[in-house]
Amino acid sequence: MSEPQLLVHDLKDNVGVVVVEGLSAGTEMLCVVTEDNSDFGLKANQDVPIGHKVALDDFAVGDTVVKYGEDIGRIVKAVKKGDHVHVHNLKTKRW
């Protein structure tokens, strides 16, 4: 088995974290769920830096993003499955 490019920490998560340098658009990623060691494939729609998030589902404006099983913010710009999720389309709900 090859090394994963994306880790999903909790079964409730709807984003995963890129764990390799230089992830390029079009990459068919091996994604591993650390909670139960399951895996799945997902295509990256954009280049995504290491440590940044990738959407596991489509999101509409206002949808909640879950990472580590916790609400980490809301979507402010529509996101497709496989898209880069970061400050350009995700904001905290704190303010």
N, C-alpha and C. Protein backbone atom coordinates (compact mmCIF):
# COMPACT_ATOMS: atom_id res chain seq x y z
N MET A 1 0.84 -1.18 0.00
CA MET A 1 0.00 0.00 0.00
C MET A 1 0.89 1.24 0.00
N SER A 2 0.53 2.23 -0.80
CA SER A 2 1.31 3.46 -0.85
C SER A 2 0.97 4.35 0.34
N GLU A 3 1.76 5.39 0.52
CA GLU A 3 1.55 6.32 1.63
C GLU A 3 0.37 7.23 1.34
N PRO A 4 -0.43 7.55 2.36
CA PRO A 4 -1.57 8.45 2.15
C PRO A 4 -1.11 9.88 1.87
N GLN A 5 -1.92 10.59 1.10
CA GLN A 5 -1.69 12.01 0.87
C GLN A 5 -2.63 12.87 1.73
N LEU A 6 -3.72 12.26 2.22
CA LEU A 6 -4.72 13.00 2.98
C LEU A 6 -5.12 12.17 4.20
N LEU A 7 -5.17 12.82 5.37
CA LEU A 7 -5.65 12.15 6.58
C LEU A 7 -6.96 12.79 7.02
N VAL A 8 -7.88 11.93 7.41
CA VAL A 8 -9.16 12.32 7.99
C VAL A 8 -9.12 11.77 9.41
N HIS A 9 -9.30 12.64 10.39
CA HIS A 9 -9.06 12.22 11.77
C HIS A 9 -10.24 11.53 12.42
N ASP A 10 -11.45 11.92 12.08
CA ASP A 10 -12.66 11.43 12.75
C ASP A 10 -13.69 11.05 11.69
N LEU A 11 -14.47 10.05 11.97
CA LEU A 11 -15.49 9.62 11.00
C LEU A 11 -16.53 10.71 10.72
N LYS A 12 -16.68 11.68 11.63
CA LYS A 12 -17.63 12.79 11.43
C LYS A 12 -17.05 13.91 10.57
N ASP A 13 -15.74 13.89 10.33
CA ASP A 13 -15.09 14.97 9.59
C ASP A 13 -15.61 15.05 8.15
N ASN A 14 -15.70 16.28 7.65
CA ASN A 14 -16.06 16.47 6.24
C ASN A 14 -14.94 17.17 5.47
N VAL A 15 -13.76 17.26 6.10
CA VAL A 15 -12.53 17.69 5.44
C VAL A 15 -11.40 16.78 5.90
N GLY A 16 -10.38 16.69 5.08
CA GLY A 16 -9.17 15.97 5.44
C GLY A 16 -7.99 16.91 5.33
N VAL A 17 -6.83 16.50 5.86
CA VAL A 17 -5.64 17.33 5.88
C VAL A 17 -4.57 16.72 4.98
N VAL A 18 -4.01 17.55 4.09
CA VAL A 18 -2.94 17.11 3.20
C VAL A 18 -1.68 16.88 4.03
N VAL A 19 -1.04 15.72 3.83
CA VAL A 19 0.14 15.35 4.62
C VAL A 19 1.39 15.13 3.78
N VAL A 20 1.38 15.66 2.55
CA VAL A 20 2.55 15.56 1.66
C VAL A 20 2.85 16.94 1.07
N GLU A 21 4.10 17.18 0.76
CA GLU A 21 4.49 18.42 0.07
C GLU A 21 4.12 18.32 -1.41
N GLY A 22 3.72 19.44 -1.98
CA GLY A 22 3.56 19.52 -3.42
C GLY A 22 2.38 18.75 -3.99
N LEU A 23 1.26 18.70 -3.27
CA LEU A 23 0.08 18.02 -3.82
C LEU A 23 -0.47 18.83 -4.98
N SER A 24 -0.55 18.22 -6.14
CA SER A 24 -0.95 18.92 -7.36
C SER A 24 -2.39 18.64 -7.74
N ALA A 25 -3.01 19.63 -8.38
CA ALA A 25 -4.35 19.45 -8.93
C ALA A 25 -4.38 18.21 -9.81
N GLY A 26 -5.43 17.44 -9.68
CA GLY A 26 -5.59 16.22 -10.48
C GLY A 26 -5.05 14.97 -9.82
N THR A 27 -4.35 15.11 -8.70
CA THR A 27 -3.82 13.95 -7.98
C THR A 27 -4.96 13.11 -7.43
N GLU A 28 -4.91 11.82 -7.70
CA GLU A 28 -5.84 10.86 -7.10
C GLU A 28 -5.23 10.47 -5.75
N MET A 29 -5.75 11.06 -4.70
CA MET A 29 -5.17 10.89 -3.37
C MET A 29 -5.63 9.59 -2.71
N LEU A 30 -4.73 8.99 -1.95
CA LEU A 30 -5.10 7.94 -1.01
C LEU A 30 -5.41 8.64 0.29
N CYS A 31 -6.63 8.49 0.78
CA CYS A 31 -7.10 9.15 1.99
C CYS A 31 -7.32 8.08 3.06
N VAL A 32 -6.80 8.33 4.26
CA VAL A 32 -6.92 7.37 5.36
C VAL A 32 -7.65 8.05 6.52
N VAL A 33 -8.63 7.33 7.07
CA VAL A 33 -9.36 7.78 8.26
C VAL A 33 -8.64 7.18 9.46
N THR A 34 -8.04 8.04 10.27
CA THR A 34 -7.22 7.53 11.38
C THR A 34 -8.05 6.89 12.48
N GLU A 35 -9.33 7.28 12.60
CA GLU A 35 -10.17 6.72 13.66
C GLU A 35 -10.36 5.22 13.51
N ASP A 36 -10.50 4.74 12.27
CA ASP A 36 -10.73 3.31 12.08
C ASP A 36 -9.80 2.67 11.04
N ASN A 37 -8.82 3.44 10.55
CA ASN A 37 -7.83 2.98 9.57
C ASN A 37 -8.45 2.58 8.23
N SER A 38 -9.66 3.06 7.94
CA SER A 38 -10.25 2.82 6.63
C SER A 38 -9.61 3.78 5.62
N ASP A 39 -9.81 3.52 4.33
CA ASP A 39 -9.25 4.40 3.32
C ASP A 39 -10.21 4.53 2.14
N PHE A 40 -9.97 5.57 1.36
CA PHE A 40 -10.77 5.84 0.16
C PHE A 40 -9.95 6.72 -0.77
N GLY A 41 -10.42 6.87 -1.98
CA GLY A 41 -9.75 7.73 -2.96
C GLY A 41 -10.51 9.03 -3.15
N LEU A 42 -9.78 10.08 -3.50
CA LEU A 42 -10.38 11.39 -3.76
C LEU A 42 -9.44 12.17 -4.67
N LYS A 43 -9.98 12.84 -5.67
CA LYS A 43 -9.19 13.64 -6.59
C LYS A 43 -9.10 15.09 -6.11
N ALA A 44 -7.88 15.62 -6.05
CA ALA A 44 -7.66 17.02 -5.67
C ALA A 44 -7.98 17.92 -6.86
N ASN A 45 -8.81 18.93 -6.64
CA ASN A 45 -9.19 19.84 -7.73
C ASN A 45 -8.21 20.98 -7.93
N GLN A 46 -7.43 21.32 -6.90
CA GLN A 46 -6.42 22.37 -6.98
C GLN A 46 -5.14 21.88 -6.33
N ASP A 47 -4.05 22.63 -6.55
CA ASP A 47 -2.84 22.41 -5.77
C ASP A 47 -3.18 22.76 -4.33
N VAL A 48 -2.73 21.94 -3.38
CA VAL A 48 -3.03 22.18 -1.97
C VAL A 48 -1.74 22.01 -1.16
N PRO A 49 -1.37 23.05 -0.38
CA PRO A 49 -0.16 22.95 0.44
C PRO A 49 -0.31 21.94 1.57
N ILE A 50 0.80 21.42 2.02
CA ILE A 50 0.80 20.51 3.17
C ILE A 50 0.17 21.22 4.37
N GLY A 51 -0.65 20.48 5.13
CA GLY A 51 -1.31 21.02 6.31
C GLY A 51 -2.64 21.70 6.03
N HIS A 52 -2.96 21.91 4.77
CA HIS A 52 -4.24 22.53 4.43
C HIS A 52 -5.31 21.47 4.22
N LYS A 53 -6.56 21.91 4.18
CA LYS A 53 -7.70 21.00 4.13
C LYS A 53 -8.23 20.81 2.72
N VAL A 54 -8.86 19.65 2.51
CA VAL A 54 -9.56 19.32 1.26
C VAL A 54 -10.97 18.87 1.62
N ALA A 55 -11.95 19.36 0.87
CA ALA A 55 -13.35 19.02 1.11
C ALA A 55 -13.63 17.57 0.72
N LEU A 56 -14.32 16.86 1.60
CA LEU A 56 -14.73 15.48 1.33
C LEU A 56 -16.11 15.42 0.70
N ASP A 57 -16.83 16.55 0.74
CA ASP A 57 -18.18 16.67 0.18
C ASP A 57 -18.31 18.05 -0.43
N ASP A 58 -19.38 18.27 -1.19
CA ASP A 58 -19.72 19.61 -1.65
C ASP A 58 -20.25 20.40 -0.47
N PHE A 59 -19.96 21.70 -0.44
CA PHE A 59 -20.45 22.61 0.59
C PHE A 59 -21.13 23.80 -0.06
N ALA A 60 -22.22 24.25 0.55
CA ALA A 60 -22.88 25.49 0.16
C ALA A 60 -22.49 26.56 1.18
N VAL A 61 -22.68 27.82 0.82
CA VAL A 61 -22.42 28.92 1.75
C VAL A 61 -23.24 28.70 3.02
N GLY A 62 -22.59 28.82 4.16
CA GLY A 62 -23.24 28.64 5.46
C GLY A 62 -23.07 27.25 6.05
N ASP A 63 -22.62 26.28 5.26
CA ASP A 63 -22.42 24.92 5.78
C ASP A 63 -21.30 24.91 6.82
N THR A 64 -21.40 23.97 7.74
CA THR A 64 -20.42 23.80 8.81
C THR A 64 -19.32 22.83 8.38
N VAL A 65 -18.08 23.19 8.68
CA VAL A 65 -16.94 22.32 8.42
C VAL A 65 -16.56 21.63 9.72
N VAL A 66 -16.34 20.32 9.64
CA VAL A 66 -16.00 19.51 10.81
C VAL A 66 -14.63 18.89 10.60
N LYS A 67 -13.74 19.12 11.58
CA LYS A 67 -12.39 18.55 11.58
C LYS A 67 -12.11 18.10 13.01
N TYR A 68 -11.47 16.95 13.19
CA TYR A 68 -11.25 16.35 14.51
C TYR A 68 -12.59 16.12 15.22
N GLY A 69 -13.67 15.95 14.45
CA GLY A 69 -14.99 15.73 15.02
C GLY A 69 -15.63 16.99 15.59
N GLU A 70 -15.01 18.15 15.36
CA GLU A 70 -15.46 19.42 15.93
C GLU A 70 -15.78 20.43 14.84
N ASP A 71 -16.75 21.29 15.11
CA ASP A 71 -17.11 22.41 14.24
C ASP A 71 -15.94 23.40 14.23
N ILE A 72 -15.35 23.64 13.05
CA ILE A 72 -14.23 24.59 12.97
C ILE A 72 -14.60 25.85 12.21
N GLY A 73 -15.83 25.96 11.71
CA GLY A 73 -16.21 27.18 11.01
C GLY A 73 -17.30 26.94 9.99
N ARG A 74 -17.56 28.02 9.21
CA ARG A 74 -18.61 27.96 8.19
C ARG A 74 -18.04 28.34 6.83
N ILE A 75 -18.64 27.78 5.82
CA ILE A 75 -18.24 28.04 4.44
C ILE A 75 -18.80 29.40 4.01
N VAL A 76 -17.94 30.23 3.38
CA VAL A 76 -18.36 31.55 2.91
C VAL A 76 -18.35 31.66 1.39
N LYS A 77 -17.91 30.61 0.72
CA LYS A 77 -17.91 30.54 -0.74
C LYS A 77 -18.10 29.07 -1.10
N ALA A 78 -19.00 28.78 -2.03
CA ALA A 78 -19.30 27.38 -2.38
C ALA A 78 -18.03 26.59 -2.66
N VAL A 79 -18.02 25.33 -2.21
CA VAL A 79 -16.87 24.44 -2.32
C VAL A 79 -17.34 23.11 -2.89
N LYS A 80 -16.58 22.57 -3.82
CA LYS A 80 -16.86 21.25 -4.39
C LYS A 80 -15.99 20.19 -3.71
N LYS A 81 -16.47 18.98 -3.71
CA LYS A 81 -15.69 17.84 -3.22
C LYS A 81 -14.34 17.84 -3.93
N GLY A 82 -13.26 17.76 -3.15
CA GLY A 82 -11.91 17.76 -3.71
C GLY A 82 -11.25 19.13 -3.75
N ASP A 83 -12.00 20.20 -3.38
CA ASP A 83 -11.46 21.55 -3.38
C ASP A 83 -10.62 21.84 -2.14
N HIS A 84 -9.72 22.77 -2.29
CA HIS A 84 -8.91 23.31 -1.19
C HIS A 84 -9.82 24.11 -0.26
N VAL A 85 -9.77 23.84 1.03
CA VAL A 85 -10.56 24.57 2.02
C VAL A 85 -9.57 25.30 2.93
N HIS A 86 -9.69 26.64 2.95
CA HIS A 86 -8.78 27.45 3.77
C HIS A 86 -9.44 28.81 3.99
N VAL A 87 -8.68 29.81 4.36
CA VAL A 87 -9.23 31.11 4.74
C VAL A 87 -9.99 31.82 3.61
N HIS A 88 -9.79 31.42 2.36
CA HIS A 88 -10.50 32.05 1.24
C HIS A 88 -11.95 31.58 1.13
N ASN A 89 -12.29 30.47 1.78
CA ASN A 89 -13.67 29.97 1.70
C ASN A 89 -14.21 29.42 3.03
N LEU A 90 -13.46 29.59 4.10
CA LEU A 90 -13.85 29.11 5.43
C LEU A 90 -13.55 30.19 6.46
N LYS A 91 -14.53 30.49 7.29
CA LYS A 91 -14.35 31.50 8.34
C LYS A 91 -14.84 30.92 9.67
N THR A 92 -14.24 31.39 10.75
CA THR A 92 -14.67 31.01 12.08
C THR A 92 -16.08 31.52 12.34
N LYS A 93 -16.79 30.86 13.24
CA LYS A 93 -18.12 31.33 13.65
C LYS A 93 -18.01 32.25 14.88
N ARG A 94 -16.80 32.45 15.37
CA ARG A 94 -16.61 33.25 16.59
C ARG A 94 -16.89 34.73 16.35
N TRP A 95 -16.65 35.24 15.15
CA TRP A 95 -16.93 36.64 14.85
C TRP A 95 -17.23 36.81 13.39
